[in-house]
Amino acid sequence: MCRTTFMMGVLAAALMLPAPAAAQAPAPLPPVAVTKEKLPPFREGAIYLSFIANTGNTDSQTMGLGGDIVVRPDNWEIRNRAGFVRAESDGELTAEAFFPDFRAARELSALVAKS
């Protein structure tokens, strides 16, 4: 039994010795493509819709609706957003909100825009 314990200790020590690791060579880097700067689309937009209903001791519902549109004529970027949220609990109105948002930005010059 003593000899078996000694052999197990030698085997454990041998497994803990550092050994060189063999690894696969790294893959070559893909070629760099020279492309023109991709411009954002002239017009884009999105619509958002949400509805949550909970039942139990009290019944509550929340509904949300929103959207945004972005237009980019010449050096301008015009953003219009709007949203509406309505919540009620047990048939009674508890919250209602409408929030519009308008933003306009203009690039003054290439030097100012990049800094």
Protein backbone atom coordinates (compact mmCIF):
# COMPACT_ATOMS: atom_id res chain seq x y z
CA MET A 1 0.00 0.00 0.00
CA CYS A 2 2.87 2.37 0.74
CA ARG A 3 4.38 1.68 -2.68
CA THR A 4 1.04 2.48 -4.40
CA THR A 5 0.77 5.79 -2.55
CA PHE A 6 4.35 6.67 -3.54
CA MET A 7 3.66 5.86 -7.22
CA MET A 8 0.50 7.98 -7.19
CA GLY A 9 2.50 10.90 -5.72
CA VAL A 10 5.19 10.56 -8.42
CA LEU A 11 2.53 10.43 -11.14
CA ALA A 12 0.79 13.54 -9.74
CA ALA A 13 4.12 15.42 -9.56
CA ALA A 14 4.98 14.43 -13.14
CA LEU A 15 1.63 15.73 -14.39
CA MET A 16 2.24 19.10 -12.71
CA LEU A 17 5.60 19.69 -14.45
CA PRO A 18 5.52 22.33 -17.17
CA ALA A 19 5.62 20.98 -20.70
CA PRO A 20 5.82 22.74 -24.05
CA ALA A 21 2.41 23.27 -25.62
CA ALA A 22 1.73 22.71 -29.29
CA ALA A 23 -0.62 25.21 -30.88
CA GLN A 24 -1.99 25.89 -34.29
CA ALA A 25 -0.47 28.77 -36.25
CA PRO A 26 -2.63 31.94 -36.25
CA ALA A 27 -4.75 32.64 -39.29
CA PRO A 28 -3.46 35.30 -41.69
CA LEU A 29 -5.08 38.75 -41.52
CA PRO A 30 -7.68 39.51 -44.19
CA PRO A 31 -6.63 42.00 -46.88
CA VAL A 32 -7.55 45.63 -46.20
CA ALA A 33 -10.07 46.84 -48.74
CA VAL A 34 -9.87 50.44 -49.85
CA THR A 35 -13.43 51.75 -50.06
CA LYS A 36 -15.07 55.12 -50.17
CA GLU A 37 -16.67 56.41 -46.98
CA LYS A 38 -20.20 55.03 -46.79
CA LEU A 39 -22.76 57.80 -46.38
CA PRO A 40 -25.78 57.35 -44.12
CA PRO A 41 -29.15 56.99 -45.87
CA PHE A 42 -30.98 60.16 -46.92
CA ARG A 43 -34.15 59.17 -45.03
CA GLU A 44 -34.74 56.60 -42.29
CA GLY A 45 -37.31 56.00 -39.61
CA ALA A 46 -38.79 53.59 -37.07
CA ILE A 47 -42.09 52.91 -35.31
CA TYR A 48 -42.37 51.58 -31.76
CA LEU A 49 -45.36 49.87 -30.16
CA SER A 50 -45.69 48.37 -26.68
CA PHE A 51 -48.48 46.86 -24.61
CA ILE A 52 -48.32 45.39 -21.10
CA ALA A 53 -51.30 43.88 -19.27
CA ASN A 54 -51.24 42.52 -15.70
CA THR A 55 -54.07 40.71 -13.95
CA GLY A 56 -54.45 39.54 -10.40
CA ASN A 57 -55.69 41.51 -7.40
CA THR A 58 -55.70 44.57 -9.65
CA ASP A 59 -55.88 44.81 -13.41
CA SER A 60 -53.49 47.22 -15.09
CA GLN A 61 -52.66 48.01 -18.68
CA THR A 62 -49.96 50.18 -20.20
CA MET A 63 -49.77 51.08 -23.87
CA GLY A 64 -47.03 52.96 -25.67
CA LEU A 65 -46.67 54.20 -29.23
CA GLY A 66 -43.82 56.17 -30.77
CA GLY A 67 -41.82 56.81 -33.85
CA ASP A 68 -38.97 58.77 -35.32
CA ILE A 69 -37.82 59.93 -38.72
CA VAL A 70 -34.42 61.27 -39.77
CA VAL A 71 -33.90 63.28 -42.99
CA ARG A 72 -30.45 64.38 -44.20
CA PRO A 73 -30.67 67.03 -46.95
CA ASP A 74 -27.29 68.49 -48.01
CA ASN A 75 -25.33 69.35 -44.82
CA TRP A 76 -28.33 69.11 -42.50
CA GLU A 77 -29.65 66.35 -40.25
CA ILE A 78 -33.26 66.78 -39.14
CA ARG A 79 -34.72 64.43 -36.49
CA ASN A 80 -38.41 64.30 -35.56
CA ARG A 81 -39.57 62.01 -32.75
CA ALA A 82 -42.85 61.59 -30.92
CA GLY A 83 -44.26 59.21 -28.36
CA PHE A 84 -47.42 58.52 -26.43
CA VAL A 85 -47.89 56.50 -23.22
CA ARG A 86 -51.17 55.64 -21.49
CA ALA A 87 -51.64 53.58 -18.31
CA GLU A 88 -54.75 52.55 -16.46
CA SER A 89 -55.42 50.46 -13.37
CA ASP A 90 -58.80 48.84 -12.64
CA GLY A 91 -60.36 50.88 -15.48
CA GLU A 92 -59.15 54.20 -14.07
CA LEU A 93 -56.66 56.35 -16.01
CA THR A 94 -53.43 56.63 -13.98
CA ALA A 95 -50.97 58.14 -16.48
CA GLU A 96 -51.01 59.71 -19.90
CA ALA A 97 -48.16 61.49 -21.68
CA PHE A 98 -47.33 62.80 -25.14
CA PHE A 99 -43.79 63.89 -25.90
CA PRO A 100 -42.68 65.44 -29.21
CA ASP A 101 -39.01 66.10 -30.02
CA PHE A 102 -37.46 68.04 -32.90
CA ARG A 103 -33.73 68.47 -33.55
CA ALA A 104 -31.80 69.97 -36.42
CA ALA A 105 -28.03 69.96 -36.91
CA ARG A 106 -25.85 71.40 -39.64
CA GLU A 107 -22.24 70.73 -40.53
CA LEU A 108 -20.51 74.13 -40.56
CA SER A 109 -17.34 72.95 -42.28
CA ALA A 110 -15.30 69.78 -42.64
CA LEU A 111 -12.73 71.11 -40.16
CA VAL A 112 -15.31 71.89 -37.45
CA ALA A 113 -17.22 68.63 -38.00
CA LYS A 114 -14.12 66.42 -37.49
CA SER A 115 -12.82 68.14 -34.37
